[in-house]
Protein backbone atom coordinates (compact mmCIF):
# COMPACT_ATOMS: atom_id res chain seq x y z
CA MET A 1 12.36 -6.40 -7.82
CA THR A 2 13.32 -8.09 -5.08
CA GLU A 3 16.41 -10.02 -4.21
CA ALA A 4 15.25 -11.87 -0.90
CA ALA A 5 12.81 -14.55 -1.47
CA TYR A 6 11.47 -17.45 0.26
CA SER A 7 9.24 -20.51 -0.73
CA ILE A 8 5.64 -20.71 0.94
CA VAL A 9 6.89 -23.51 2.94
CA GLU A 10 10.03 -21.76 4.43
CA ALA A 11 8.01 -18.39 5.01
CA ARG A 12 5.38 -20.07 6.73
CA ALA A 13 8.14 -21.61 9.26
CA ARG A 14 9.83 -18.51 9.73
CA LEU A 15 7.20 -15.60 8.87
CA GLY A 16 7.81 -13.77 12.40
CA ALA A 17 11.41 -13.52 11.50
CA ILE A 18 10.91 -12.64 8.04
CA ALA A 19 8.43 -9.87 9.00
CA ARG A 20 10.60 -8.20 11.49
CA GLU A 21 13.80 -8.27 9.13
CA VAL A 22 11.17 -6.74 6.32
CA SER A 23 10.06 -4.09 8.71
CA ALA A 24 13.38 -3.01 10.08
CA THR A 25 15.31 -3.11 6.63
CA ARG A 26 11.98 -1.92 4.17
CA GLU A 27 13.78 -4.22 1.66
CA PRO A 28 10.90 -6.43 0.17
CA VAL A 29 10.89 -9.99 0.53
CA ALA A 30 9.22 -12.34 -2.27
CA ILE A 31 7.01 -15.52 -1.22
CA THR A 32 7.44 -18.17 -4.20
CA ASP A 33 5.31 -21.16 -4.79
CA HIS A 34 7.03 -23.78 -7.19
CA GLY A 35 9.74 -21.04 -8.26
CA GLN A 36 7.03 -18.48 -9.05
CA THR A 37 6.41 -15.28 -7.02
CA VAL A 38 3.20 -15.03 -5.83
CA ALA A 39 3.53 -12.52 -3.14
CA ILE A 40 5.91 -9.36 -1.70
CA LEU A 41 6.14 -8.79 1.78
CA LEU A 42 6.24 -4.83 2.30
CA SER A 43 7.16 -2.96 5.19
CA PRO A 44 4.11 -1.00 6.94
CA ALA A 45 5.94 2.27 6.06
CA ASP A 46 6.46 1.09 2.22
CA ALA A 47 2.70 -0.20 2.36
CA LEU A 48 1.71 3.46 3.13
CA GLU A 49 3.96 4.68 0.22
CA LEU A 50 2.35 2.98 -2.36
CA GLN A 51 -0.76 3.46 -1.37
CA GLU A 52 -0.09 7.25 -1.38
CA LEU A 53 1.50 6.91 -4.73
CA ARG A 54 -1.39 5.28 -6.26
CA ALA A 55 -3.94 7.58 -4.76
CA LEU A 56 -1.90 10.67 -6.20
CA ALA A 57 -1.88 8.35 -9.42
CA ALA A 58 -5.23 8.13 -9.82
CA TYR A 59 -6.04 11.85 -8.78
CA ARG A 60 -3.74 13.10 -11.49
CA ALA A 61 -5.30 10.37 -14.13
CA ARG A 62 -8.94 12.24 -12.83
CA GLN A 63 -7.37 15.54 -13.20
CA GLY A 64 -6.15 14.65 -17.04
CA LEU A 65 -9.56 13.68 -17.72
CA GLY A 66 -11.28 16.97 -16.51
CA GLU A 67 -13.24 15.42 -13.50
CA ASP A 68 -13.54 17.63 -10.60
CA ALA A 69 -11.61 15.69 -8.19
CA GLY A 70 -12.36 17.25 -5.21
CA VAL A 71 -14.95 18.32 -2.85
CA SER A 72 -16.57 21.59 -1.51
CA HIS A 73 -15.83 22.86 1.59
CA ASP A 74 -19.38 22.36 2.54
CA GLU A 75 -19.10 18.78 1.82
CA ALA A 76 -15.87 17.73 3.76
CA TYR A 77 -17.48 19.56 6.75
CA ARG A 78 -20.48 17.34 6.25
CA ARG A 79 -18.64 14.01 5.78
CA VAL A 80 -16.51 15.02 8.98
CA PHE A 81 -18.68 16.51 11.05
CA GLY A 82 -22.04 14.75 10.29
CA GLY A 83 -24.10 17.86 9.83
CA ALA A 84 -24.07 21.37 8.07
CA GLU A 85 -21.56 24.02 8.55
CA VAL A 86 -22.90 26.74 11.26
């Protein structure tokens, strides 16, 4: 999944530099504890992309189940503007 990996101890000591590198290169970095990956550090762009992909997958799953995955225009207006449409 990812080639770069740091132990928790090393990551703690170098977190600023590691975070800047991940952000600049968009290459994820694994954080390990006793040789096992316990976390993955992602760039903000990759994290946003992952969130969007998960939302799309959830939407498609609801569609596949025949659920109404959207909201009406009136409901969207009420949520955004806090009142009934005029």
